[in-house]
């Protein structure tokens, strides 16, 4: 099975942003995880049930375009690797688990 990819971008007026570093807003990790859950549902029809591994290595700012990628883990119907990148720079990576 092939992977799944989609573009991400959060508007500067997103309601979750004012509390995340006023004057220098960052997209909160929880919004990135929400997008992973939505992508998993769109790709496999599964809901996100567990995040056994997640590493956020660089910030995403409002208005910046990013790319989310999901890749199957060999021999697992529920585990999926993810990457979020901006212009080839890794922002986040890890493993999520879903179930029907």
PDB file of N, CA and C in Angstrom:
ATOM      1  N   UNK A   1       0.840  -1.182   0.000  1.00  0.00           N
ATOM      2  CA  UNK A   1       0.000   0.000   0.000  1.00  0.00           C
ATOM      3  C   UNK A   1       0.882   1.241   0.000  1.00  0.00           C
ATOM      4  N   UNK A   2       0.530   2.192  -0.824  1.00  0.00           N
ATOM      5  CA  UNK A   2       1.263   3.445  -0.887  1.00  0.00           C
ATOM      6  C   UNK A   2       0.896   4.341   0.285  1.00  0.00           C
ATOM      7  N   UNK A   3       1.645   5.421   0.409  1.00  0.00           N
ATOM      8  CA  UNK A   3       1.383   6.375   1.478  1.00  0.00           C
ATOM      9  C   UNK A   3       0.352   7.419   1.088  1.00  0.00           C
ATOM     10  N   UNK A   4       0.270   8.422   1.908  1.00  0.00           N
ATOM     11  CA  UNK A   4      -0.718   9.490   1.750  1.00  0.00           C
ATOM     12  C   UNK A   4      -0.005  10.806   2.036  1.00  0.00           C
ATOM     13  N   UNK A   5      -0.344  11.851   1.309  1.00  0.00           N
ATOM     14  CA  UNK A   5       0.254  13.168   1.555  1.00  0.00           C
ATOM     15  C   UNK A   5      -0.795  14.246   1.353  1.00  0.00           C
ATOM     16  N   UNK A   6      -0.630  15.330   2.081  1.00  0.00           N
ATOM     17  CA  UNK A   6      -1.509  16.478   1.912  1.00  0.00           C
ATOM     18  C   UNK A   6      -0.781  17.741   2.358  1.00  0.00           C
ATOM     19  N   UNK A   7      -1.229  18.853   1.824  1.00  0.00           N
ATOM     20  CA  UNK A   7      -0.687  20.154   2.214  1.00  0.00           C
ATOM     21  C   UNK A   7      -1.340  20.611   3.507  1.00  0.00           C
ATOM     22  N   UNK A   8      -0.587  21.378   4.297  1.00  0.00           N
ATOM     23  CA  UNK A   8      -1.090  21.972   5.546  1.00  0.00           C
ATOM     24  C   UNK A   8      -0.770  23.458   5.542  1.00  0.00           C
ATOM     25  N   UNK A   9      -1.678  24.234   6.074  1.00  0.00           N
ATOM     26  CA  UNK A   9      -1.401  25.642   6.306  1.00  0.00           C
ATOM     27  C   UNK A   9      -2.452  26.157   7.281  1.00  0.00           C
ATOM     28  N   UNK A  10      -2.006  26.880   8.293  1.00  0.00           N
ATOM     29  CA  UNK A  10      -2.911  27.400   9.308  1.00  0.00           C
ATOM     30  C   UNK A  10      -2.983  28.916   9.188  1.00  0.00           C
ATOM     31  N   UNK A  11      -4.182  29.426   9.154  1.00  0.00           N
ATOM     32  CA  UNK A  11      -4.397  30.868   9.030  1.00  0.00           C
ATOM     33  C   UNK A  11      -3.930  31.593  10.289  1.00  0.00           C
ATOM     34  N   UNK A  12      -3.470  32.805  10.106  1.00  0.00           N
ATOM     35  CA  UNK A  12      -2.990  33.612  11.228  1.00  0.00           C
ATOM     36  C   UNK A  12      -4.083  33.924  12.238  1.00  0.00           C
ATOM     37  N   UNK A  13      -5.358  33.840  11.822  1.00  0.00           N
ATOM     38  CA  UNK A  13      -6.452  34.135  12.744  1.00  0.00           C
ATOM     39  C   UNK A  13      -7.062  32.878  13.369  1.00  0.00           C
ATOM     40  N   UNK A  14      -6.357  31.741  13.292  1.00  0.00           N
ATOM     41  CA  UNK A  14      -6.861  30.511  13.910  1.00  0.00           C
ATOM     42  C   UNK A  14      -7.049  30.750  15.406  1.00  0.00           C
ATOM     43  N   UNK A  15      -8.173  30.322  15.978  1.00  0.00           N
ATOM     44  CA  UNK A  15      -8.460  30.625  17.389  1.00  0.00           C
ATOM     45  C   UNK A  15      -7.485  30.022  18.398  1.00  0.00           C
ATOM     46  N   UNK A  16      -6.707  29.025  18.022  1.00  0.00           N
ATOM     47  CA  UNK A  16      -5.749  28.420  18.963  1.00  0.00           C
ATOM     48  C   UNK A  16      -4.435  29.190  19.045  1.00  0.00           C
ATOM     49  N   UNK A  17      -4.213  30.144  18.167  1.00  0.00           N
ATOM     50  CA  UNK A  17      -2.907  30.793  18.089  1.00  0.00           C
ATOM     51  C   UNK A  17      -2.640  31.898  19.115  1.00  0.00           C
ATOM     52  N   UNK A  18      -3.621  32.692  19.527  1.00  0.00           N
ATOM     53  CA  UNK A  18      -3.281  33.809  20.428  1.00  0.00           C
ATOM     54  C   UNK A  18      -2.544  33.401  21.701  1.00  0.00           C
ATOM     55  N   UNK A  19      -2.804  32.248  22.239  1.00  0.00           N
ATOM     56  CA  UNK A  19      -2.139  31.830  23.467  1.00  0.00           C
ATOM     57  C   UNK A  19      -0.790  31.181  23.269  1.00  0.00           C
ATOM     58  N   UNK A  20      -0.381  30.995  22.036  1.00  0.00           N
ATOM     59  CA  UNK A  20       0.895  30.323  21.767  1.00  0.00           C
ATOM     60  C   UNK A  20       1.934  31.333  21.300  1.00  0.00           C
ATOM     61  N   UNK A  21       2.535  31.948  22.296  1.00  0.00           N
ATOM     62  CA  UNK A  21       3.634  32.881  22.115  1.00  0.00           C
ATOM     63  C   UNK A  21       3.193  34.173  21.419  1.00  0.00           C
ATOM     64  N   UNK A  22       2.432  34.998  22.138  1.00  0.00           N
ATOM     65  CA  UNK A  22       1.989  36.280  21.584  1.00  0.00           C
ATOM     66  C   UNK A  22       3.163  37.065  20.995  1.00  0.00           C
ATOM     67  N   UNK A  23       2.921  37.614  19.826  1.00  0.00           N
ATOM     68  CA  UNK A  23       3.953  38.366  19.135  1.00  0.00           C
ATOM     69  C   UNK A  23       4.791  37.509  18.205  1.00  0.00           C
ATOM     70  N   UNK A  24       4.899  36.232  18.499  1.00  0.00           N
ATOM     71  CA  UNK A  24       5.615  35.277  17.651  1.00  0.00           C
ATOM     72  C   UNK A  24       4.852  33.956  17.679  1.00  0.00           C
ATOM     73  N   UNK A  25       3.642  33.929  17.113  1.00  0.00           N
ATOM     74  CA  UNK A  25       2.800  32.739  17.232  1.00  0.00           C
ATOM     75  C   UNK A  25       3.381  31.513  16.527  1.00  0.00           C
ATOM     76  N   UNK A  26       3.157  30.370  17.148  1.00  0.00           N
ATOM     77  CA  UNK A  26       3.533  29.069  16.604  1.00  0.00           C
ATOM     78  C   UNK A  26       2.286  28.205  16.532  1.00  0.00           C
ATOM     79  N   UNK A  27       2.247  27.330  15.553  1.00  0.00           N
ATOM     80  CA  UNK A  27       1.143  26.377  15.458  1.00  0.00           C
ATOM     81  C   UNK A  27       1.363  25.331  16.559  1.00  0.00           C
ATOM     82  N   UNK A  28       0.412  25.159  17.482  1.00  0.00           N
ATOM     83  CA  UNK A  28       0.569  24.179  18.556  1.00  0.00           C
ATOM     84  C   UNK A  28       0.616  22.750  18.015  1.00  0.00           C
ATOM     85  N   UNK A  29       1.391  21.906  18.688  1.00  0.00           N
ATOM     86  CA  UNK A  29       1.503  20.501  18.301  1.00  0.00           C
ATOM     87  C   UNK A  29       0.159  19.801  18.251  1.00  0.00           C
ATOM     88  N   UNK A  30      -0.765  20.188  19.101  1.00  0.00           N
ATOM     89  CA  UNK A  30      -2.076  19.547  19.115  1.00  0.00           C
ATOM     90  C   UNK A  30      -2.815  19.777  17.798  1.00  0.00           C
ATOM     91  N   UNK A  31      -2.598  20.925  17.151  1.00  0.00           N
ATOM     92  CA  UNK A  31      -3.221  21.160  15.847  1.00  0.00           C
ATOM     93  C   UNK A  31      -2.601  20.262  14.779  1.00  0.00           C
ATOM     94  N   UNK A  32      -1.306  20.026  14.882  1.00  0.00           N
ATOM     95  CA  UNK A  32      -0.652  19.112  13.942  1.00  0.00           C
ATOM     96  C   UNK A  32      -1.170  17.689  14.149  1.00  0.00           C
ATOM     97  N   UNK A  33      -1.332  17.290  15.406  1.00  0.00           N
ATOM     98  CA  UNK A  33      -1.877  15.958  15.687  1.00  0.00           C
ATOM     99  C   UNK A  33      -3.316  15.833  15.190  1.00  0.00           C
ATOM    100  N   UNK A  34      -4.082  16.903  15.301  1.00  0.00           N
ATOM    101  CA  UNK A  34      -5.448  16.885  14.779  1.00  0.00           C
ATOM    102  C   UNK A  34      -5.434  16.657  13.263  1.00  0.00           C
ATOM    103  N   UNK A  35      -4.518  17.289  12.576  1.00  0.00           N
ATOM    104  CA  UNK A  35      -4.411  17.094  11.130  1.00  0.00           C
ATOM    105  C   UNK A  35      -3.991  15.672  10.789  1.00  0.00           C
ATOM    106  N   UNK A  36      -3.129  15.082  11.621  1.00  0.00           N
ATOM    107  CA  UNK A  36      -2.758  13.674  11.428  1.00  0.00           C
ATOM    108  C   UNK A  36      -3.986  12.779  11.566  1.00  0.00           C
ATOM    109  N   UNK A  37      -4.810  13.056  12.565  1.00  0.00           N
ATOM    110  CA  UNK A  37      -6.032  12.271  12.765  1.00  0.00           C
ATOM    111  C   UNK A  37      -6.964  12.389  11.568  1.00  0.00           C
ATOM    112  N   UNK A  38      -7.127  13.600  11.051  1.00  0.00           N
ATOM    113  CA  UNK A  38      -7.994  13.805   9.889  1.00  0.00           C
ATOM    114  C   UNK A  38      -7.432  13.117   8.645  1.00  0.00           C
ATOM    115  N   UNK A  39      -6.122  13.165   8.480  1.00  0.00           N
ATOM    116  CA  UNK A  39      -5.489  12.514   7.329  1.00  0.00           C
ATOM    117  C   UNK A  39      -5.619  10.996   7.418  1.00  0.00           C
ATOM    118  N   UNK A  40      -5.446  10.437   8.617  1.00  0.00           N
ATOM    119  CA  UNK A  40      -5.596   8.991   8.798  1.00  0.00           C
ATOM    120  C   UNK A  40      -7.014   8.556   8.452  1.00  0.00           C
ATOM    121  N   UNK A  41      -7.997   9.350   8.861  1.00  0.00           N
ATOM    122  CA  UNK A  41      -9.396   9.050   8.547  1.00  0.00           C
ATOM    123  C   UNK A  41      -9.627   9.109   7.031  1.00  0.00           C
ATOM    124  N   UNK A  42      -9.074  10.134   6.378  1.00  0.00           N
ATOM    125  CA  UNK A  42      -9.257  10.283   4.929  1.00  0.00           C
ATOM    126  C   UNK A  42      -8.563   9.159   4.162  1.00  0.00           C
ATOM    127  N   UNK A  43      -7.385   8.742   4.621  1.00  0.00           N
ATOM    128  CA  UNK A  43      -6.580   7.741   3.911  1.00  0.00           C
ATOM    129  C   UNK A  43      -7.073   6.322   4.143  1.00  0.00           C
ATOM    130  N   UNK A  44      -7.245   5.964   5.407  1.00  0.00           N
ATOM    131  CA  UNK A  44      -7.557   4.570   5.756  1.00  0.00           C
ATOM    132  C   UNK A  44      -8.933   4.371   6.365  1.00  0.00           C
ATOM    133  N   UNK A  45      -9.658   5.432   6.595  1.00  0.00           N
ATOM    134  CA  UNK A  45     -10.954   5.301   7.248  1.00  0.00           C
ATOM    135  C   UNK A  45     -10.830   4.900   8.705  1.00  0.00           C
ATOM    136  N   UNK A  46      -9.656   5.170   9.302  1.00  0.00           N
ATOM    137  CA  UNK A  46      -9.409   4.819  10.703  1.00  0.00           C
ATOM    138  C   UNK A  46      -9.406   6.075  11.562  1.00  0.00           C
ATOM    139  N   UNK A  47      -9.721   5.881  12.831  1.00  0.00           N
ATOM    140  CA  UNK A  47      -9.600   7.000  13.761  1.00  0.00           C
ATOM    141  C   UNK A  47      -8.307   6.823  14.556  1.00  0.00           C
ATOM    142  N   UNK A  48      -7.699   7.923  14.877  1.00  0.00           N
ATOM    143  CA  UNK A  48      -6.457   7.920  15.654  1.00  0.00           C
ATOM    144  C   UNK A  48      -6.769   7.507  17.085  1.00  0.00           C
ATOM    145  N   UNK A  49      -6.070   6.475  17.576  1.00  0.00           N
ATOM    146  CA  UNK A  49      -6.319   6.008  18.939  1.00  0.00           C
ATOM    147  C   UNK A  49      -5.090   6.102  19.845  1.00  0.00           C
ATOM    148  N   UNK A  50      -3.896   6.251  19.238  1.00  0.00           N
ATOM    149  CA  UNK A  50      -2.693   6.233  20.067  1.00  0.00           C
ATOM    150  C   UNK A  50      -1.549   6.902  19.307  1.00  0.00           C
ATOM    151  N   UNK A  51      -0.717   7.614  20.034  1.00  0.00           N
ATOM    152  CA  UNK A  51       0.488   8.222  19.462  1.00  0.00           C
ATOM    153  C   UNK A  51       1.686   7.684  20.253  1.00  0.00           C
ATOM    154  N   UNK A  52       2.211   6.513  19.856  1.00  0.00           N
ATOM    155  CA  UNK A  52       3.301   5.931  20.623  1.00  0.00           C
ATOM    156  C   UNK A  52       4.622   6.686  20.489  1.00  0.00           C
ATOM    157  N   UNK A  53       4.764   7.483  19.433  1.00  0.00           N
ATOM    158  CA  UNK A  53       6.022   8.199  19.229  1.00  0.00           C
ATOM    159  C   UNK A  53       5.738   9.484  18.459  1.00  0.00           C
ATOM    160  N   UNK A  54       6.202  10.612  18.989  1.00  0.00           N
ATOM    161  CA  UNK A  54       6.080  11.888  18.283  1.00  0.00           C
ATOM    162  C   UNK A  54       7.236  12.782  18.699  1.00  0.00           C
ATOM    163  N   UNK A  55       7.889  13.342  17.712  1.00  0.00           N
ATOM    164  CA  UNK A  55       9.015  14.246  17.954  1.00  0.00           C
ATOM    165  C   UNK A  55       8.767  15.501  17.127  1.00  0.00           C
ATOM    166  N   UNK A  56       8.661  16.638  17.808  1.00  0.00           N
ATOM    167  CA  UNK A  56       8.494  17.926  17.151  1.00  0.00           C
ATOM    168  C   UNK A  56       9.861  18.604  17.175  1.00  0.00           C
ATOM    169  N   UNK A  57      10.458  18.798  16.000  1.00  0.00           N
ATOM    170  CA  UNK A  57      11.850  19.245  15.947  1.00  0.00           C
ATOM    171  C   UNK A  57      12.041  20.682  15.484  1.00  0.00           C
ATOM    172  N   UNK A  58      11.031  21.278  14.871  1.00  0.00           N
ATOM    173  CA  UNK A  58      11.111  22.664  14.422  1.00  0.00           C
ATOM    174  C   UNK A  58       9.702  23.249  14.399  1.00  0.00           C
ATOM    175  N   UNK A  59       9.584  24.556  14.587  1.00  0.00           N
ATOM    176  CA  UNK A  59       8.255  25.170  14.653  1.00  0.00           C
ATOM    177  C   UNK A  59       7.638  25.406  13.276  1.00  0.00           C
ATOM    178  N   UNK A  60       6.319  25.464  13.279  1.00  0.00           N
ATOM    179  CA  UNK A  60       5.543  25.889  12.125  1.00  0.00           C
ATOM    180  C   UNK A  60       4.822  27.165  12.526  1.00  0.00           C
ATOM    181  N   UNK A  61       4.949  28.178  11.718  1.00  0.00           N
ATOM    182  CA  UNK A  61       4.312  29.457  12.006  1.00  0.00           C
ATOM    183  C   UNK A  61       3.034  29.603  11.171  1.00  0.00           C
ATOM    184  N   UNK A  62       2.090  30.377  11.654  1.00  0.00           N
ATOM    185  CA  UNK A  62       0.865  30.606  10.886  1.00  0.00           C
ATOM    186  C   UNK A  62       1.192  31.143   9.486  1.00  0.00           C
ATOM    187  N   UNK A  63       0.454  30.641   8.501  1.00  0.00           N
ATOM    188  CA  UNK A  63       0.638  31.079   7.136  1.00  0.00           C
ATOM    189  C   UNK A  63       1.707  30.329   6.364  1.00  0.00           C
ATOM    190  N   UNK A  64       2.587  29.598   7.051  1.00  0.00           N
ATOM    191  CA  UNK A  64       3.629  28.838   6.361  1.00  0.00           C
ATOM    192  C   UNK A  64       3.048  27.545   5.798  1.00  0.00           C
ATOM    193  N   UNK A  65       3.331  27.242   4.546  1.00  0.00           N
ATOM    194  CA  UNK A  65       2.865  25.978   3.986  1.00  0.00           C
ATOM    195  C   UNK A  65       3.735  24.826   4.469  1.00  0.00           C
ATOM    196  N   UNK A  66       3.101  23.702   4.710  1.00  0.00           N
ATOM    197  CA  UNK A  66       3.814  22.493   5.136  1.00  0.00           C
ATOM    198  C   UNK A  66       3.191  21.296   4.421  1.00  0.00           C
ATOM    199  N   UNK A  67       3.839  20.158   4.561  1.00  0.00           N
ATOM    200  CA  UNK A  67       3.369  18.919   3.936  1.00  0.00           C
ATOM    201  C   UNK A  67       3.356  17.817   4.974  1.00  0.00           C
ATOM    202  N   UNK A  68       2.242  17.134   5.061  1.00  0.00           N
ATOM    203  CA  UNK A  68       2.055  16.000   5.968  1.00  0.00           C
ATOM    204  C   UNK A  68       2.114  14.729   5.127  1.00  0.00           C
ATOM    205  N   UNK A  69       2.881  13.750   5.579  1.00  0.00           N
ATOM    206  CA  UNK A  69       2.973  12.466   4.887  1.00  0.00           C
ATOM    207  C   UNK A  69       2.724  11.327   5.866  1.00  0.00           C
ATOM    208  N   UNK A  70       1.939  10.352   5.436  1.00  0.00           N
ATOM    209  CA  UNK A  70       1.701   9.128   6.193  1.00  0.00           C
ATOM    210  C   UNK A  70       2.235   7.963   5.373  1.00  0.00           C
ATOM    211  N   UNK A  71       2.948   7.054   6.036  1.00  0.00           N
ATOM    212  CA  UNK A  71       3.505   5.872   5.383  1.00  0.00           C
ATOM    213  C   UNK A  71       3.178   4.640   6.211  1.00  0.00           C
ATOM    214  N   UNK A  72       2.744   3.571   5.565  1.00  0.00           N
ATOM    215  CA  UNK A  72       2.415   2.361   6.324  1.00  0.00           C
ATOM    216  C   UNK A  72       3.666   1.766   6.979  1.00  0.00           C
ATOM    217  N   UNK A  73       3.467   1.155   8.118  1.00  0.00           N
ATOM    218  CA  UNK A  73       4.518   0.392   8.791  1.00  0.00           C
ATOM    219  C   UNK A  73       4.345  -1.055   8.341  1.00  0.00           C
ATOM    220  N   UNK A  74       5.406  -1.654   7.848  1.00  0.00           N
ATOM    221  CA  UNK A  74       5.339  -3.026   7.358  1.00  0.00           C
ATOM    222  C   UNK A  74       4.751  -3.951   8.425  1.00  0.00           C
ATOM    223  N   UNK A  75       3.919  -4.855   7.983  1.00  0.00           N
ATOM    224  CA  UNK A  75       3.323  -5.887   8.834  1.00  0.00           C
ATOM    225  C   UNK A  75       2.423  -5.326   9.936  1.00  0.00           C
ATOM    226  N   UNK A  76       1.851  -4.146   9.726  1.00  0.00           N
ATOM    227  CA  UNK A  76       0.936  -3.593  10.720  1.00  0.00           C
ATOM    228  C   UNK A  76      -0.249  -2.960  10.014  1.00  0.00           C
ATOM    229  N   UNK A  77      -1.440  -3.369  10.401  1.00  0.00           N
ATOM    230  CA  UNK A  77      -2.652  -2.787   9.840  1.00  0.00           C
ATOM    231  C   UNK A  77      -3.043  -1.504  10.570  1.00  0.00           C
ATOM    232  N   UNK A  78      -2.416  -1.252  11.725  1.00  0.00           N
ATOM    233  CA  UNK A  78      -2.839  -0.104  12.517  1.00  0.00           C
ATOM    234  C   UNK A  78      -1.767   0.970  12.682  1.00  0.00           C
ATOM    235  N   UNK A  79      -0.491   0.635  12.552  1.00  0.00           N
ATOM    236  CA  UNK A  79       0.587   1.612  12.768  1.00  0.00           C
ATOM    237  C   UNK A  79       0.960   2.321  11.468  1.00  0.00           C
ATOM    238  N   UNK A  80       1.205   3.616  11.611  1.00  0.00           N
ATOM    239  CA  UNK A  80       1.541   4.462  10.470  1.00  0.00           C
ATOM    240  C   UNK A  80       2.648   5.426  10.901  1.00  0.00           C
ATOM    241  N   UNK A  81       3.656   5.575  10.076  1.00  0.00           N
ATOM    242  CA  UNK A  81       4.688   6.584  10.315  1.00  0.00           C
ATOM    243  C   UNK A  81       4.212   7.907   9.721  1.00  0.00           C
ATOM    244  N   UNK A  82       4.594   9.008  10.373  1.00  0.00           N
ATOM    245  CA  UNK A  82       4.251  10.317   9.830  1.00  0.00           C
ATOM    246  C   UNK A  82       5.465  11.224   9.798  1.00  0.00           C
ATOM    247  N   UNK A  83       5.406  12.178   8.880  1.00  0.00           N
ATOM    248  CA  UNK A  83       6.387  13.255   8.761  1.00  0.00           C
ATOM    249  C   UNK A  83       5.631  14.519   8.408  1.00  0.00           C
ATOM    250  N   UNK A  84       6.057  15.611   8.981  1.00  0.00           N
ATOM    251  CA  UNK A  84       5.558  16.918   8.588  1.00  0.00           C
ATOM    252  C   UNK A  84       6.792  17.745   8.252  1.00  0.00           C
ATOM    253  N   UNK A  85       6.794  18.321   7.038  1.00  0.00           N
ATOM    254  CA  UNK A  85       7.937  19.082   6.548  1.00  0.00           C
ATOM    255  C   UNK A  85       7.496  20.430   6.008  1.00  0.00           C
ATOM    256  N   UNK A  86       8.431  21.367   6.028  1.00  0.00           N
ATOM    257  CA  UNK A  86       8.257  22.668   5.389  1.00  0.00           C
ATOM    258  C   UNK A  86       9.488  22.911   4.534  1.00  0.00           C
ATOM    259  N   UNK A  87       9.292  23.048   3.234  1.00  0.00           N
ATOM    260  CA  UNK A  87      10.402  23.292   2.306  1.00  0.00           C
ATOM    261  C   UNK A  87      11.536  22.286   2.504  1.00  0.00           C
ATOM    262  N   UNK A  88      11.201  21.023   2.698  1.00  0.00           N
ATOM    263  CA  UNK A  88      12.199  19.978   2.875  1.00  0.00           C
ATOM    264  C   UNK A  88      12.778  19.886   4.278  1.00  0.00           C
ATOM    265  N   UNK A  89      12.397  20.780   5.172  1.00  0.00           N
ATOM    266  CA  UNK A  89      12.891  20.756   6.551  1.00  0.00           C
ATOM    267  C   UNK A  89      11.923  19.977   7.435  1.00  0.00           C
ATOM    268  N   UNK A  90      12.436  19.016   8.170  1.00  0.00           N
ATOM    269  CA  UNK A  90      11.606  18.213   9.063  1.00  0.00           C
ATOM    270  C   UNK A  90      11.097  19.063  10.218  1.00  0.00           C
ATOM    271  N   UNK A  91       9.776  19.038  10.418  1.00  0.00           N
ATOM    272  CA  UNK A  91       9.155  19.726  11.548  1.00  0.00           C
ATOM    273  C   UNK A  91       8.730  18.741  12.631  1.00  0.00           C
ATOM    274  N   UNK A  92       8.209  17.580  12.207  1.00  0.00           N
ATOM    275  CA  UNK A  92       7.726  16.569  13.155  1.00  0.00           C
ATOM    276  C   UNK A  92       7.774  15.209  12.500  1.00  0.00           C
ATOM    277  N   UNK A  93       7.935  14.183  13.337  1.00  0.00           N
ATOM    278  CA  UNK A  93       7.933  12.801  12.843  1.00  0.00           C
ATOM    279  C   UNK A  93       7.477  11.897  13.975  1.00  0.00           C
ATOM    280  N   UNK A  94       7.059  10.690  13.615  1.00  0.00           N
ATOM    281  CA  UNK A  94       6.673   9.730  14.637  1.00  0.00           C
ATOM    282  C   UNK A  94       5.814   8.624  14.090  1.00  0.00           C
ATOM    283  N   UNK A  95       5.089   7.989  15.006  1.00  0.00           N
ATOM    284  CA  UNK A  95       4.226   6.866  14.692  1.00  0.00           C
ATOM    285  C   UNK A  95       2.878   7.099  15.355  1.00  0.00           C
ATOM    286  N   UNK A  96       1.822   6.820  14.599  1.00  0.00           N
ATOM    287  CA  UNK A  96       0.467   6.874  15.145  1.00  0.00           C
ATOM    288  C   UNK A  96      -0.200   5.526  14.928  1.00  0.00           C
ATOM    289  N   UNK A  97      -1.243   5.259  15.704  1.00  0.00           N
ATOM    290  CA  UNK A  97      -2.010   4.021  15.540  1.00  0.00           C
ATOM    291  C   UNK A  97      -3.469   4.378  15.345  1.00  0.00           C
ATOM    292  N   UNK A  98      -4.092   3.651  14.451  1.00  0.00           N
ATOM    293  CA  UNK A  98      -5.508   3.856  14.210  1.00  0.00           C
ATOM    294  C   UNK A  98      -6.285   2.565  14.304  1.00  0.00           C
ATOM    295  N   UNK A  99      -7.600   2.703  14.365  1.00  0.00           N
ATOM    296  CA  UNK A  99      -8.485   1.548  14.338  1.00  0.00           C
ATOM    297  C   UNK A  99      -9.767   1.953  13.628  1.00  0.00           C
ATOM    298  N   UNK A 100     -10.424   0.946  13.056  1.00  0.00           N
ATOM    299  CA  UNK A 100     -11.659   1.211  12.310  1.00  0.00           C
ATOM    300  C   UNK A 100     -12.763   1.668  13.239  1.00  0.00           C
TER     301      UNK A 100
END
